[in-house]
Protein backbone atom coordinates (compact mmCIF):
# COMPACT_ATOMS: atom_id res chain seq x y z
CA UNK A 1 101.02 108.15 108.97
CA UNK A 2 102.01 106.22 106.19
CA UNK A 3 98.95 104.76 105.88
CA UNK A 4 96.86 107.99 105.47
CA UNK A 5 98.38 108.25 101.93
CA UNK A 6 95.85 106.70 99.36
CA UNK A 7 98.73 104.79 97.70
CA UNK A 8 100.25 103.00 100.53
CA UNK A 9 98.75 100.10 102.86
CA UNK A 10 100.40 99.02 106.04
CA UNK A 11 98.34 96.21 108.16
CA UNK A 12 96.48 97.88 110.95
CA UNK A 13 98.11 95.98 113.53
CA UNK A 14 101.53 97.24 114.98
CA UNK A 15 104.42 95.03 114.05
CA UNK A 16 102.85 92.42 112.08
CA UNK A 17 106.46 90.98 112.15
CA UNK A 18 105.81 88.17 110.14
CA UNK A 19 109.23 87.23 108.83
CA UNK A 20 110.76 87.18 112.38
CA UNK A 21 108.33 84.74 114.27
CA UNK A 22 105.04 84.54 112.78
CA UNK A 23 106.40 82.74 110.00
CA UNK A 24 107.16 79.66 111.92
CA UNK A 25 103.27 79.36 112.85
CA UNK A 26 101.32 81.05 110.11
CA UNK A 27 101.31 79.94 106.51
CA UNK A 28 102.62 82.92 104.02
CA UNK A 29 99.37 83.06 102.06
CA UNK A 30 97.46 83.08 105.14
CA UNK A 31 99.25 86.06 106.27
CA UNK A 32 98.67 87.95 103.16
CA UNK A 33 95.29 87.12 102.97
CA UNK A 34 94.47 88.44 106.48
CA UNK A 35 96.85 91.36 106.83
CA UNK A 36 96.57 92.46 103.08
CA UNK A 37 93.19 91.63 101.76
CA UNK A 38 91.85 94.96 101.33
CA UNK A 39 95.63 96.19 100.12
CA UNK A 40 95.05 95.64 96.70
CA UNK A 41 94.19 98.88 95.08
CA UNK A 42 97.06 100.63 96.84
CA UNK A 43 100.63 99.94 94.90
CA UNK A 44 102.64 100.47 98.14
CA UNK A 45 102.23 97.76 100.59
CA UNK A 46 104.77 97.38 103.50
CA UNK A 47 105.47 95.95 107.06
CA UNK A 48 107.29 97.49 109.86
CA UNK A 49 108.92 95.96 112.57
CA UNK A 50 112.07 96.67 114.64
CA UNK A 51 112.61 92.94 115.02
CA UNK A 52 113.51 92.81 111.43
CA UNK A 53 116.86 94.77 112.32
CA UNK A 54 117.96 91.44 114.03
CA UNK A 55 118.07 89.39 110.79
CA UNK A 56 121.36 88.04 109.80
CA UNK A 57 122.27 88.28 105.99
CA UNK A 58 121.45 84.75 104.94
CA UNK A 59 117.81 85.44 105.94
CA UNK A 60 117.66 88.89 104.42
CA UNK A 61 118.97 86.93 101.23
CA UNK A 62 115.73 84.61 101.52
CA UNK A 63 113.51 87.57 101.71
CA UNK A 64 115.45 89.25 98.76
CA UNK A 65 114.54 86.30 96.81
CA UNK A 66 110.64 86.67 97.77
CA UNK A 67 110.51 90.36 97.04
CA UNK A 68 113.67 91.63 95.45
CA UNK A 69 112.42 95.10 94.79
CA UNK A 70 111.81 95.69 98.55
CA UNK A 71 112.10 99.73 99.29
CA UNK A 72 113.57 100.04 102.88
CA UNK A 73 113.30 102.56 105.53
CA UNK A 74 115.05 102.95 108.71
CA UNK A 75 114.84 105.40 111.50
CA UNK A 76 118.04 105.68 113.98
CA UNK A 77 117.40 106.82 117.29
CA UNK A 78 120.54 107.81 119.77
CA UNK A 79 121.74 104.19 120.85
CA UNK A 80 122.06 105.38 124.26
CA UNK A 81 118.59 106.82 124.57
CA UNK A 82 116.97 103.70 122.57
CA UNK A 83 118.83 101.14 124.61
CA UNK A 84 117.14 102.79 127.75
CA UNK A 85 113.96 102.90 126.07
CA UNK A 86 114.06 99.26 125.20
CA UNK A 87 114.59 98.04 129.08
CA UNK A 88 111.76 100.70 130.04
CA UNK A 89 109.42 98.57 127.37
CA UNK A 90 110.50 95.46 128.50
CA UNK A 91 111.08 96.13 132.48
CA UNK A 92 108.11 98.73 133.29
CA UNK A 93 105.15 97.94 130.43
CA UNK A 94 106.05 94.42 129.73
CA UNK A 95 106.40 93.43 133.79
CA UNK A 96 102.75 94.96 133.98
CA UNK A 97 101.49 92.74 131.22
CA UNK A 98 103.34 89.81 130.96
CA UNK A 99 102.49 87.49 133.81
CA UNK A 100 102.62 84.04 132.45
CA UNK A 101 104.87 82.56 135.21
CA UNK A 102 106.69 83.26 138.41
CA UNK A 103 109.76 82.91 136.66
CA UNK A 104 108.75 85.53 133.80
CA UNK A 105 107.59 88.02 136.59
CA UNK A 106 111.19 87.77 137.96
CA UNK A 107 112.79 88.35 134.88
CA UNK A 108 110.58 91.32 133.77
CA UNK A 109 110.74 93.15 137.51
CA UNK A 110 110.51 96.99 137.06
CA UNK A 111 113.69 98.73 136.66
CA UNK A 112 113.51 100.82 140.03
CA UNK A 113 113.54 97.20 141.79
CA UNK A 114 117.04 96.20 140.20
CA UNK A 115 120.41 96.82 141.22
CA UNK A 116 123.00 98.91 139.00
CA UNK A 117 124.76 95.78 138.17
CA UNK A 118 121.75 94.24 137.29
CA UNK A 119 120.38 96.90 135.01
CA UNK A 120 124.12 96.84 133.40
CA UNK A 121 123.58 93.26 132.64
CA UNK A 122 120.59 93.63 131.02
CA UNK A 123 121.97 97.13 129.10
CA UNK A 124 124.66 94.97 127.93
CA UNK A 125 122.71 91.93 126.70
CA UNK A 126 123.20 91.24 122.99
CA UNK A 127 119.08 91.48 122.40
CA UNK A 128 119.56 95.26 123.59
CA UNK A 129 123.25 95.98 122.07
CA UNK A 130 122.43 94.29 118.68
CA UNK A 131 119.63 96.57 117.78
CA UNK A 132 121.47 99.75 118.54
CA UNK A 133 124.54 98.45 116.22
CA UNK A 134 123.42 100.64 113.35
CA UNK A 135 126.17 99.95 110.81
CA UNK A 136 125.80 96.13 110.99
CA UNK A 137 121.78 96.85 110.24
CA UNK A 138 122.58 98.89 107.35
CA UNK A 139 125.53 96.82 105.93
CA UNK A 140 123.36 93.57 106.22
CA UNK A 141 120.43 94.77 104.63
CA UNK A 142 122.25 97.09 101.88
CA UNK A 143 124.73 94.41 101.19
CA UNK A 144 121.75 92.38 99.76
CA UNK A 145 119.02 95.19 98.52
CA UNK A 146 121.73 97.28 97.51
CA UNK A 147 122.56 101.02 99.11
CA UNK A 148 119.73 102.62 96.95
CA UNK A 149 117.01 100.59 98.40
CA UNK A 150 117.38 101.80 102.19
CA UNK A 151 116.16 105.55 103.04
CA UNK A 152 117.62 106.42 106.53
CA UNK A 153 115.67 109.28 108.68
CA UNK A 154 117.28 110.33 112.18
CA UNK A 155 114.62 110.45 115.08
CA UNK A 156 115.81 113.49 116.16
CA UNK A 157 114.37 114.66 112.66
CA UNK A 158 111.42 113.18 113.06
CA UNK A 159 110.88 115.02 116.53
CA UNK A 160 111.45 118.31 114.97
CA UNK A 161 109.85 118.25 111.68
CA UNK A 162 107.93 115.40 111.29
CA UNK A 163 105.91 116.35 108.02
CA UNK A 164 109.25 116.47 106.12
CA UNK A 165 110.61 113.03 107.31
CA UNK A 166 107.06 111.60 106.26
CA UNK A 167 107.19 113.18 102.75
CA UNK A 168 110.86 111.93 102.40
CA UNK A 169 109.97 108.53 103.14
CA UNK A 170 106.89 108.98 100.81
CA UNK A 171 109.43 109.82 97.98
CA UNK A 172 111.56 107.03 98.75
CA UNK A 173 108.62 104.67 98.27
CA UNK A 174 107.41 106.43 95.21
CA UNK A 175 104.45 107.76 96.57
CA UNK A 176 103.46 111.40 95.76
CA UNK A 177 103.90 113.21 99.02
CA UNK A 178 101.18 115.99 97.73
CA UNK A 179 98.43 113.49 98.02
CA UNK A 180 99.13 112.73 101.51
CA UNK A 181 96.98 114.52 104.03
CA UNK A 182 98.88 115.91 106.93
CA UNK A 183 97.25 114.67 110.21
CA UNK A 184 96.21 117.44 112.68
CA UNK A 185 97.92 115.65 115.38
CA UNK A 186 101.20 115.17 113.45
CA UNK A 187 103.17 117.57 116.07
CA UNK A 188 101.85 115.12 119.18
CA UNK A 189 104.58 113.57 120.83
CA UNK A 190 104.09 109.89 121.00
CA UNK A 191 105.24 107.81 124.32
CA UNK A 192 106.16 104.38 124.23
CA UNK A 193 106.07 102.69 127.95
CA UNK A 194 104.95 105.58 130.11
CA UNK A 195 107.80 104.50 132.21
CA UNK A 196 109.23 107.69 134.09
CA UNK A 197 112.64 105.88 135.80
CA UNK A 198 115.48 107.82 134.76
CA UNK A 199 118.87 106.25 133.62
CA UNK A 200 121.25 106.28 136.19
CA UNK A 201 124.38 108.18 135.42
CA UNK A 202 126.80 105.26 135.73
CA UNK A 203 124.66 103.35 132.98
CA UNK A 204 124.68 106.30 130.89
CA UNK A 205 128.60 106.86 131.14
CA UNK A 206 129.08 103.22 130.08
CA UNK A 207 126.64 103.21 127.10
CA UNK A 208 128.49 106.46 126.08
CA UNK A 209 131.71 104.93 126.07
CA UNK A 210 130.52 101.71 124.33
CA UNK A 211 128.97 103.62 121.55
CA UNK A 212 131.24 106.80 121.02
CA UNK A 213 133.43 105.34 118.53
CA UNK A 214 130.66 103.10 116.49
CA UNK A 215 128.69 106.52 116.17
CA UNK A 216 131.70 108.79 115.06
CA UNK A 217 132.13 106.25 112.14
CA UNK A 218 128.57 106.08 111.55
CA UNK A 219 128.45 109.93 111.62
CA UNK A 220 131.02 109.98 108.82
CA UNK A 221 129.03 107.57 106.67
CA UNK A 222 126.12 109.83 107.08
CA UNK A 223 127.81 113.27 106.56
CA UNK A 224 127.76 114.48 109.93
CA UNK A 225 123.98 113.94 110.23
CA UNK A 226 124.75 112.34 114.28
CA UNK A 227 126.97 115.61 115.48
CA UNK A 228 124.50 116.03 118.39
CA UNK A 229 124.59 112.11 119.63
CA UNK A 230 128.41 112.54 119.55
CA UNK A 231 128.85 115.66 121.38
CA UNK A 232 126.50 114.25 124.10
CA UNK A 233 128.62 110.74 124.11
CA UNK A 234 131.68 112.68 124.67
CA UNK A 235 130.13 114.76 127.57
CA UNK A 236 128.51 111.78 129.33
CA UNK A 237 131.57 109.29 129.31
CA UNK A 238 133.66 111.50 130.97
CA UNK A 239 131.35 111.25 134.04
CA UNK A 240 133.68 109.29 136.81
CA UNK A 241 130.48 107.40 138.02
CA UNK A 242 130.84 105.16 135.09
CA UNK A 243 129.98 101.43 135.94
CA UNK A 244 133.15 99.48 136.30
CA UNK A 245 132.06 95.57 135.93
CA UNK A 246 134.13 93.15 138.05
CA UNK A 247 135.32 89.58 136.63
CA UNK A 248 132.16 87.56 137.78
CA UNK A 249 130.00 90.38 136.23
CA UNK A 250 131.90 90.04 133.06
CA UNK A 251 131.69 86.54 133.07
CA UNK A 252 127.88 86.50 133.23
CA UNK A 253 127.64 88.83 130.66
CA UNK A 254 129.81 86.52 128.30
CA UNK A 255 127.86 83.52 129.09
CA UNK A 256 124.71 85.74 128.27
CA UNK A 257 126.13 86.17 124.63
CA UNK A 258 127.06 82.56 124.18
CA UNK A 259 123.34 81.49 125.20
CA UNK A 260 122.12 84.35 123.10
CA UNK A 261 124.16 83.58 120.00
CA UNK A 262 122.97 79.58 120.28
CA UNK A 263 119.44 80.53 120.70
CA UNK A 264 119.23 83.16 117.81
CA UNK A 265 121.29 81.02 115.66
CA UNK A 266 118.63 78.00 116.02
CA UNK A 267 115.94 80.34 115.43
CA UNK A 268 117.20 82.24 112.25
CA UNK A 269 118.24 78.79 111.20
CA UNK A 270 114.40 77.79 111.50
CA UNK A 271 113.19 80.95 109.86
CA UNK A 272 115.42 80.67 106.65
CA UNK A 273 114.51 77.05 106.15
CA UNK A 274 110.65 77.97 106.23
CA UNK A 275 111.41 81.15 104.00
CA UNK A 276 113.04 79.10 101.20
CA UNK A 277 109.92 76.72 101.44
CA UNK A 278 107.72 79.72 100.17
CA UNK A 279 107.38 79.92 96.41
CA UNK A 280 108.48 83.23 94.87
CA UNK A 281 105.02 85.29 94.06
CA UNK A 282 104.44 85.63 90.54
């Protein structure tokens, strides 16, 4: 929708994701040439990826060196719903499309074929948890680029008033909202994976317990914009069916965190080194 504006350009492919993984494989000039070759007449050019939320501050600092005047946009979704949506994407849509090996198919098996304990282990994994840690993400990016660089919207508002959300984002970017042609399908819902597996009440209750306090604190920072999330979490976490992991399960989750921390640390170190080799544009 942003790309409909005459002054805004985003690459046509979903999530170019250059500064996350492609930077390790593709030369920056080649990326710019292939992705933004037709963007020069438009003053506002951008890249969108949820994976940028995982960046550590040291990597964000390297991005700031390359592009110190970036405008940042972040859309927050209820962390309970967002976490389950991520599992549906990975274990339903991707389980049908990613079949590279028997091990991969086992790891991506559909949600309705997983036990409650396995569901919990997946949803407690740091690759899911860190994407919902909004305070950490906001602090990481605004700590480098400054608070004024970031514009925050709420997913509920995007569903309720998409036109106003897009117009607010355009103003943040410095583009004239009046020049944006409102698409006729702006109110048409967009569904991701298409998976229809419902979240088990025990998992919903556990997620509500996990995120209620961080959400209350973030609600204070955002002037009460997350009140509905807080109310729904308060209700969900009182469910007596909440999943309670036993010791072996907790140890397995701890091992996941350690392994993921090592893997991510190594990967982001490589990304940072690669970014350091890119000269700052004139």
